[in-house]
Amino acid sequence: MRPIRPTLAAASIAAVLALAATACGPSEDNAGDKPSAPASQSADGKITIPDDLKDRLKEHGIDLDQWKNGEWKNWDKDKWLREAKDFVNPIIEDLWDTDRMRDAEKPPEKPVDNDISGDKGVTDPTPAPVNAQAVKAPYHSNAGEAGKVFFDGPEGSMVCSATVVKDPAHPGKSNMVWTAGHCVHAGKKGGWYRNIMFVPSYNDSAKPISELRKAPKEEVAPYGTWWGDWAQTSEQWISQGAATGGQGAPFDFAVIHVVPEKGSTGKSLEETVGSALPVDFNAPAVPKIANMTAEGYPAAPPFDGQKLFQCADKPGRLSITANDPTMYRIGCTMTGGSSGGGWVAKGSDGKPALVSNTSIGPVTAGWLAGPRLGEEAKGVYDSVSKKYASR
């Protein structure tokens, strides 16, 4: 499939920046570091950028005005920020218009061969394919936590799926979204993707693509557009993750903190959509799980990325290497674009919870695999929550 090249809409920039701490929570080396001050908005609507953030950007040769005018398209090695502390995602208002969202059908590459060579540890037989089922519209009433992530990379505009999750620091008022690491960061050979934006209940009424070409933005994104002002993934994904194959897959998860593109309405993301899933980092072992439901917006053929689907199956185990955690695997015909979508099962308390996310699948659709969420995933989650606990 030819990549969809990004086109920069004539737009103003409201910069909400984040230059991160560690990807997996504070370490002994930086436990005393204070997070950078956030960008703030004054009563007259102007954005104030703290000097320390400006200085950090200048260290990498990035000027906000240049970024606004198209410098974000510069993917030279020195301009592609990759370290955990260097995440930056200035809001460019109206960059993601309805046409750009609809045409961003290219998922980031993450296929593997049907038979992964060198497997060690516990790997169950390949599951039989499970046909993906369309989620009944409106999506908000049946899978209100699900949504779609849009972002730009060197090959063009790309898409993933994501889930609104609860924030322990802000009960009932979460602004946190769970997705795959490869939906925010390119892994060992790249850096942070740009213009990362989340749309909850994208195409809520399940309109066909022919009707979406004429649909106003309020129908495509009825609960608004939410930009990531912070993203964190695992250090393992940053150092090991690869575009294809299983490298880094057991640690392929990420958390995005979001803010509304058009400015605060006084409501959080969770309040806006009306729900958020808890994350269970101690889900039952595979033999004790009756089934898991994976949700997402598959974009590679035969799907077009515009509608929400799900697969339910009893999970098996997939081991990439003996030293890495065993992954969950289910039968499912969803394709690329469903990456990052949440996997829901009964958690350790018996209630529905997010227990994984789509990471990899075979070149020819038939199954999906997702990471087992453990200590590293909890570190990412807790770090994001703590960063915004007092805001």
Protein backbone atom coordinates (compact mmCIF):
# COMPACT_ATOMS: atom_id res chain seq x y z
CA MET A 1 0.00 0.00 0.00
CA ARG A 2 1.38 3.42 -0.87
CA PRO A 3 1.74 5.64 2.19
CA ILE A 4 -0.56 8.59 2.59
CA ARG A 5 1.73 11.61 2.59
CA PRO A 6 1.01 14.21 5.26
CA THR A 7 -0.39 17.54 4.18
CA LEU A 8 -0.15 20.47 6.56
CA ALA A 9 -3.42 22.36 6.89
CA ALA A 10 -3.27 26.12 7.23
CA ALA A 11 -3.61 26.30 10.98
CA SER A 12 -2.65 28.12 14.12
CA ILE A 13 -0.60 26.50 16.85
CA ALA A 14 -1.57 26.27 20.47
CA ALA A 15 1.52 24.69 21.95
CA VAL A 16 1.04 22.20 24.72
CA LEU A 17 4.45 20.65 25.23
CA ALA A 18 5.86 17.77 27.22
CA LEU A 19 9.53 16.92 27.65
CA ALA A 20 9.36 13.75 29.62
CA ALA A 21 10.96 12.12 32.61
CA THR A 22 11.66 8.39 32.45
CA ALA A 23 9.53 6.01 30.42
CA CYS A 24 9.02 3.55 33.27
CA GLY A 25 8.83 5.78 36.30
CA PRO A 26 11.62 7.35 38.37
CA SER A 27 14.89 5.46 38.74
CA GLU A 28 17.45 5.92 41.48
CA ASP A 29 19.44 8.18 39.16
CA ASN A 30 16.64 10.64 38.55
CA ALA A 31 14.20 10.02 41.38
CA GLY A 32 14.76 13.57 42.61
CA ASP A 33 14.19 15.23 39.26
CA LYS A 34 11.21 17.54 39.04
CA PRO A 35 9.02 17.39 35.94
CA SER A 36 9.16 20.35 33.59
CA ALA A 37 6.49 22.98 34.11
CA PRO A 38 3.53 22.58 31.79
CA ALA A 39 2.50 25.05 29.15
CA SER A 40 -0.31 27.21 30.50
CA GLN A 41 -3.10 29.25 28.95
CA SER A 42 -3.82 32.74 30.17
CA ALA A 43 -7.23 34.37 30.44
CA ASP A 44 -6.81 36.03 27.05
CA GLY A 45 -6.21 32.66 25.43
CA LYS A 46 -2.48 33.09 24.83
CA ILE A 47 -0.18 30.13 25.42
CA THR A 48 2.74 30.60 27.79
CA ILE A 49 5.66 28.23 27.23
CA PRO A 50 8.04 27.78 30.17
CA ASP A 51 11.62 28.79 29.43
CA ASP A 52 13.00 25.36 30.38
CA LEU A 53 10.87 23.74 27.68
CA LYS A 54 11.94 26.32 25.12
CA ASP A 55 15.58 25.71 26.06
CA ARG A 56 15.15 21.96 25.72
CA LEU A 57 13.67 22.40 22.25
CA LYS A 58 16.50 24.73 21.24
CA GLU A 59 19.02 22.06 22.28
CA HIS A 60 17.59 19.97 19.46
CA GLY A 61 17.43 22.86 17.03
CA ILE A 62 13.63 23.12 17.19
CA ASP A 63 11.88 26.48 16.96
CA LEU A 64 8.14 26.59 17.64
CA ASP A 65 7.37 28.96 14.78
CA GLN A 66 9.35 26.80 12.38
CA TRP A 67 7.60 23.71 13.71
CA LYS A 68 4.23 25.35 13.07
CA ASN A 69 5.21 26.26 9.52
CA GLY A 70 6.18 22.71 8.56
CA GLU A 71 9.42 21.91 10.37
CA TRP A 72 7.59 18.96 11.99
CA LYS A 73 7.95 17.28 8.57
CA ASN A 74 11.73 17.22 8.98
CA TRP A 75 12.62 13.63 9.86
CA ASP A 76 16.39 14.03 9.76
CA LYS A 77 18.09 11.86 12.35
CA ASP A 78 19.06 14.81 14.54
CA LYS A 79 15.53 16.20 14.43
CA TRP A 80 13.77 12.95 15.26
CA LEU A 81 13.75 12.99 19.05
CA ARG A 82 13.93 9.49 20.49
CA GLU A 83 14.85 9.63 24.18
CA ALA A 84 12.06 9.19 26.73
CA LYS A 85 12.69 12.66 28.17
CA ASP A 86 12.41 14.36 24.78
CA PHE A 87 8.76 13.76 23.90
CA VAL A 88 7.22 16.89 22.40
CA ASN A 89 3.86 17.25 20.64
CA PRO A 90 2.76 20.88 20.09
CA ILE A 91 -0.93 21.22 19.22
CA ILE A 92 -1.51 22.39 15.66
CA GLU A 93 -5.18 23.32 15.59
CA ASP A 94 -7.21 21.87 12.72
CA LEU A 95 -4.27 19.93 11.31
CA TRP A 96 -6.38 16.79 11.59
CA ASP A 97 -9.41 17.79 9.56
CA THR A 98 -11.96 15.19 8.46
CA ASP A 99 -10.23 14.47 5.15
CA ARG A 100 -6.84 13.97 6.78
CA MET A 101 -8.30 11.69 9.43
CA ARG A 102 -10.19 9.63 6.86
CA ASP A 103 -7.19 9.28 4.57
CA ALA A 104 -4.74 8.36 7.33
CA GLU A 105 -5.28 4.68 6.67
CA LYS A 106 -1.69 3.48 6.89
CA PRO A 107 -0.95 1.60 10.13
CA PRO A 108 2.63 1.44 11.42
CA GLU A 109 4.28 -1.80 10.27
CA LYS A 110 4.18 -4.54 12.88
CA PRO A 111 3.54 -7.85 11.08
CA VAL A 112 5.40 -11.09 11.80
CA ASP A 113 5.63 -14.33 9.91
CA ASN A 114 3.01 -16.96 10.65
CA ASP A 115 5.67 -19.05 12.33
CA ILE A 116 8.01 -16.98 14.49
CA SER A 117 11.45 -18.58 14.43
CA GLY A 118 13.43 -19.09 17.59
CA ASP A 119 10.48 -19.27 19.97
CA LYS A 120 11.39 -20.48 23.42
CA GLY A 121 9.40 -20.97 26.57
CA VAL A 122 5.67 -21.59 26.43
CA THR A 123 3.89 -21.24 23.10
CA ASP A 124 0.49 -22.79 22.54
CA PRO A 125 -0.73 -24.03 19.14
CA THR A 126 -1.67 -21.30 16.66
CA PRO A 127 -5.33 -20.39 17.28
CA ALA A 128 -7.95 -20.78 14.59
CA PRO A 129 -8.94 -17.45 12.98
CA VAL A 130 -11.93 -15.69 14.56
CA ASN A 131 -13.85 -13.41 12.23
CA ALA A 132 -13.90 -9.83 13.46
CA GLN A 133 -17.41 -8.59 14.25
CA ALA A 134 -18.57 -5.04 13.67
CA VAL A 135 -19.36 -3.22 16.91
CA LYS A 136 -22.96 -2.05 16.95
CA ALA A 137 -23.42 1.69 16.47
CA PRO A 138 -23.44 4.04 18.18
CA TYR A 139 -20.04 2.97 19.45
CA HIS A 140 -20.35 5.26 22.44
CA SER A 141 -23.16 3.08 23.82
CA ASN A 142 -21.37 -0.23 23.27
CA ALA A 143 -17.63 0.46 23.55
CA GLY A 144 -17.44 3.98 24.88
CA GLU A 145 -13.81 3.73 25.93
CA ALA A 146 -12.55 2.84 22.44
CA GLY A 147 -11.16 5.33 19.97
CA LYS A 148 -8.63 6.00 17.26
CA VAL A 149 -5.12 7.48 17.42
CA PHE A 150 -3.73 9.58 14.56
CA PHE A 151 -0.07 10.51 14.16
CA ASP A 152 2.60 11.40 11.62
CA GLY A 153 5.78 9.52 10.78
CA PRO A 154 8.41 9.72 8.02
CA GLU A 155 6.21 7.68 5.66
CA GLY A 156 3.10 9.78 6.16
CA SER A 157 -0.02 9.92 8.31
CA MET A 158 -0.76 6.76 10.29
CA VAL A 159 -3.43 5.30 12.56
CA CYS A 160 -3.79 3.05 15.57
CA SER A 161 -6.49 2.24 18.11
CA ALA A 162 -6.59 3.12 21.81
CA THR A 163 -8.65 2.98 25.00
CA VAL A 164 -9.62 5.51 27.66
CA VAL A 165 -8.34 4.19 30.99
CA LYS A 166 -8.88 5.29 34.57
CA ASP A 167 -6.43 7.56 36.37
CA PRO A 168 -5.91 6.69 40.06
CA ALA A 169 -4.87 10.28 40.78
CA HIS A 170 -8.11 11.68 39.30
CA PRO A 171 -11.00 9.26 39.97
CA GLY A 172 -13.79 9.79 37.46
CA LYS A 173 -11.79 12.50 35.67
CA SER A 174 -9.12 10.68 33.70
CA ASN A 175 -7.28 12.15 30.73
CA MET A 176 -5.26 8.98 30.13
CA VAL A 177 -5.31 6.77 27.02
CA TRP A 178 -3.75 3.31 26.58
CA THR A 179 -2.25 2.16 23.28
CA ALA A 180 0.75 0.29 21.84
CA GLY A 181 4.31 1.56 22.12
CA HIS A 182 4.74 1.36 18.36
CA CYS A 183 1.87 3.83 17.97
CA VAL A 184 3.84 6.60 19.69
CA HIS A 185 7.52 5.68 19.17
CA ALA A 186 9.32 3.99 16.26
CA GLY A 187 11.59 1.88 18.48
CA LYS A 188 15.32 1.28 18.19
CA LYS A 189 15.76 2.86 14.74
CA GLY A 190 13.57 5.93 15.23
CA GLY A 191 12.02 8.29 17.69
CA TRP A 192 8.74 9.80 18.86
CA TYR A 193 5.99 10.16 16.28
CA ARG A 194 4.43 13.60 15.86
CA ASN A 195 1.01 15.25 15.91
CA ILE A 196 -0.36 12.45 18.12
CA MET A 197 -4.10 12.89 18.56
CA PHE A 198 -6.88 10.70 20.02
CA VAL A 199 -10.50 10.67 18.82
CA PRO A 200 -12.89 8.80 21.14
CA SER A 201 -15.76 6.97 19.40
CA TYR A 202 -14.40 7.90 15.98
CA ASN A 203 -17.21 7.67 13.38
CA ASP A 204 -19.63 6.90 16.22
CA SER A 205 -22.56 6.20 13.90
CA ALA A 206 -20.55 3.79 11.69
CA LYS A 207 -21.03 5.74 8.48
CA PRO A 208 -19.54 4.17 5.33
CA ILE A 209 -16.46 5.85 3.92
CA SER A 210 -18.52 7.31 1.06
CA GLU A 211 -20.64 9.28 3.54
CA LEU A 212 -17.65 10.30 5.66
CA ARG A 213 -16.30 12.29 2.72
CA LYS A 214 -19.13 14.76 3.27
CA ALA A 215 -19.60 14.44 7.02
CA PRO A 216 -18.85 17.44 9.28
CA LYS A 217 -16.16 17.03 11.91
CA GLU A 218 -18.78 16.92 14.67
CA GLU A 219 -20.07 13.62 13.26
CA VAL A 220 -16.64 12.10 12.73
CA ALA A 221 -15.39 13.19 16.17
CA PRO A 222 -18.55 13.75 18.27
CA TYR A 223 -16.59 13.81 21.55
CA GLY A 224 -13.86 16.09 20.33
CA THR A 225 -10.23 15.73 19.35
CA TRP A 226 -7.66 15.26 22.10
CA TRP A 227 -3.94 15.87 21.61
CA GLY A 228 -1.25 14.06 23.55
CA ASP A 229 0.65 16.51 25.74
CA TRP A 230 2.62 13.60 27.17
CA ALA A 231 3.39 10.04 26.09
CA GLN A 232 5.41 7.30 27.73
CA THR A 233 6.36 3.82 26.63
CA SER A 234 8.73 1.21 27.99
CA GLU A 235 12.49 1.61 27.84
CA GLN A 236 12.50 -1.88 26.32
CA TRP A 237 10.38 -0.72 23.39
CA ILE A 238 12.56 2.35 22.83
CA SER A 239 15.76 0.28 22.83
CA GLN A 240 14.53 -2.95 21.20
CA GLY A 241 11.34 -2.25 19.26
CA ALA A 242 11.33 -2.98 15.53
CA ALA A 243 8.91 -2.26 12.69
CA THR A 244 8.49 -5.94 11.84
CA GLY A 245 8.99 -9.17 13.74
CA GLY A 246 8.58 -9.75 17.44
CA GLN A 247 11.40 -7.57 18.77
CA GLY A 248 10.20 -5.55 21.75
CA ALA A 249 6.64 -6.88 21.43
CA PRO A 250 6.34 -8.12 25.05
CA PHE A 251 6.87 -4.49 26.13
CA ASP A 252 4.87 -2.84 23.34
CA PHE A 253 2.54 -0.62 25.38
CA ALA A 254 2.17 3.10 25.99
CA VAL A 255 0.13 5.65 27.91
CA ILE A 256 -0.82 9.04 26.47
CA HIS A 257 -2.03 11.96 28.56
CA VAL A 258 -4.36 14.12 26.49
CA VAL A 259 -5.86 17.61 26.43
CA PRO A 260 -8.70 18.93 24.25
CA GLU A 261 -7.47 20.54 21.04
CA LYS A 262 -9.72 23.58 21.31
CA GLY A 263 -9.04 24.34 24.94
CA SER A 264 -10.56 23.12 28.18
CA THR A 265 -14.32 22.84 28.55
CA GLY A 266 -13.96 22.05 32.22
CA LYS A 267 -14.52 18.33 31.59
CA SER A 268 -11.95 15.57 31.47
CA LEU A 269 -11.83 12.96 28.73
CA GLU A 270 -13.49 10.41 31.01
CA GLU A 271 -16.28 12.84 31.89
CA THR A 272 -16.74 13.70 28.22
CA VAL A 273 -17.12 10.12 27.02
CA GLY A 274 -18.76 8.90 30.21
CA SER A 275 -16.52 5.92 30.91
CA ALA A 276 -12.97 4.61 31.33
CA LEU A 277 -11.59 1.13 31.92
CA PRO A 278 -9.44 0.13 34.88
CA VAL A 279 -6.10 -1.49 34.00
CA ASP A 280 -5.32 -4.83 35.63
CA PHE A 281 -1.61 -5.54 36.06
CA ASN A 282 -2.30 -8.84 37.80
CA ALA A 283 -4.74 -10.51 35.42
CA PRO A 284 -5.35 -14.24 35.83
CA ALA A 285 -3.04 -16.68 34.08
CA VAL A 286 -4.05 -17.75 30.57
CA PRO A 287 -5.63 -21.08 31.60
CA LYS A 288 -7.98 -19.22 33.95
CA ILE A 289 -9.25 -16.71 31.35
CA ALA A 290 -12.41 -17.85 29.56
CA ASN A 291 -12.08 -15.26 26.80
CA MET A 292 -10.67 -11.89 25.89
CA THR A 293 -12.22 -9.26 23.64
CA ALA A 294 -9.91 -7.21 21.43
CA GLU A 295 -11.27 -3.97 19.98
CA GLY A 296 -9.90 -1.75 17.26
CA TYR A 297 -10.22 0.07 13.97
CA PRO A 298 -8.51 -2.24 11.43
CA ALA A 299 -7.28 -0.24 8.45
CA ALA A 300 -5.41 -2.69 6.21
CA PRO A 301 -7.49 -4.58 3.61
CA PRO A 302 -10.15 -5.90 3.67
CA PHE A 303 -10.98 -3.18 6.22
CA ASP A 304 -10.84 0.58 5.62
CA GLY A 305 -10.09 1.92 9.09
CA GLN A 306 -13.38 3.78 9.47
CA LYS A 307 -15.33 1.32 11.62
CA LEU A 308 -14.86 -0.33 15.00
CA PHE A 309 -14.56 -4.13 15.20
CA GLN A 310 -13.90 -6.69 17.90
CA CYS A 311 -12.86 -10.32 18.33
CA ALA A 312 -13.59 -12.56 21.32
CA ASP A 313 -11.58 -15.75 21.91
CA LYS A 314 -10.04 -17.84 24.65
CA PRO A 315 -6.39 -16.74 24.80
CA GLY A 316 -3.31 -18.86 24.35
CA ARG A 317 0.35 -18.12 25.04
CA LEU A 318 3.08 -16.89 22.70
CA SER A 319 6.72 -16.78 23.77
CA ILE A 320 9.09 -14.67 21.67
CA THR A 321 12.22 -15.34 23.75
CA ALA A 322 12.82 -17.27 26.93
CA ASN A 323 13.87 -14.13 28.83
CA ASP A 324 10.85 -11.99 27.96
CA PRO A 325 7.31 -12.27 29.35
CA THR A 326 4.96 -14.63 27.52
CA MET A 327 2.36 -12.78 25.46
CA TYR A 328 -1.38 -13.39 25.11
CA ARG A 329 -2.58 -14.62 21.71
CA ILE A 330 -6.10 -14.93 20.27
CA GLY A 331 -7.61 -15.81 16.93
CA CYS A 332 -8.72 -12.67 15.10
CA THR A 333 -8.94 -11.44 11.51
CA MET A 334 -8.40 -7.75 12.34
CA THR A 335 -5.50 -6.18 10.46
CA GLY A 336 -3.10 -3.26 10.93
CA GLY A 337 -4.75 -0.19 12.40
CA SER A 338 -6.19 -2.29 15.21
CA SER A 339 -2.75 -2.02 16.88
CA GLY A 340 -2.97 -0.47 20.31
CA GLY A 341 -6.62 -1.41 20.73
CA GLY A 342 -7.57 -2.62 24.19
CA TRP A 343 -8.02 -6.25 25.21
CA VAL A 344 -10.76 -6.58 27.80
CA ALA A 345 -11.27 -9.48 30.19
CA LYS A 346 -12.44 -10.06 33.73
CA GLY A 347 -9.69 -8.75 35.94
CA SER A 348 -8.47 -10.14 39.24
CA ASP A 349 -11.58 -8.66 40.91
CA GLY A 350 -13.93 -10.32 38.42
CA LYS A 351 -14.89 -7.04 36.72
CA PRO A 352 -14.07 -5.98 33.13
CA ALA A 353 -10.63 -4.44 32.83
CA LEU A 354 -8.01 -3.69 30.22
CA VAL A 355 -5.45 -6.50 30.43
CA SER A 356 -3.49 -6.06 27.16
CA ASN A 357 -3.37 -4.27 23.81
CA THR A 358 -2.87 -5.43 20.24
CA SER A 359 0.83 -5.54 19.37
CA ILE A 360 1.59 -8.04 16.58
CA GLY A 361 -0.12 -10.39 14.15
CA PRO A 362 0.84 -12.51 11.15
CA VAL A 363 1.41 -11.16 7.67
CA THR A 364 -1.86 -12.80 6.66
CA ALA A 365 -4.49 -11.96 9.29
CA GLY A 366 -5.57 -14.81 11.53
CA TRP A 367 -4.38 -14.07 15.03
CA LEU A 368 -3.25 -11.18 17.24
CA ALA A 369 -0.86 -11.08 20.19
CA GLY A 370 -0.60 -8.59 23.02
CA PRO A 371 1.77 -8.05 25.94
CA ARG A 372 1.13 -9.34 29.44
CA LEU A 373 0.90 -6.20 31.56
CA GLY A 374 3.25 -6.47 34.52
CA GLU A 375 5.72 -4.39 36.48
CA GLU A 376 7.06 -2.41 33.52
CA ALA A 377 3.57 -1.54 32.26
CA LYS A 378 2.52 -0.46 35.74
CA GLY A 379 5.59 1.73 35.94
CA VAL A 380 4.61 3.59 32.78
CA TYR A 381 0.99 3.93 33.93
CA ASP A 382 1.89 5.14 37.44
CA SER A 383 4.48 7.58 36.12
CA VAL A 384 1.96 9.33 33.87
CA SER A 385 -0.64 9.42 36.62
CA LYS A 386 1.81 10.86 39.18
CA LYS A 387 3.09 13.48 36.77
CA TYR A 388 -0.37 15.01 36.51
CA ALA A 389 -1.58 14.21 40.03
CA SER A 390 -1.45 17.81 41.23
CA ARG A 391 -2.81 19.39 38.06
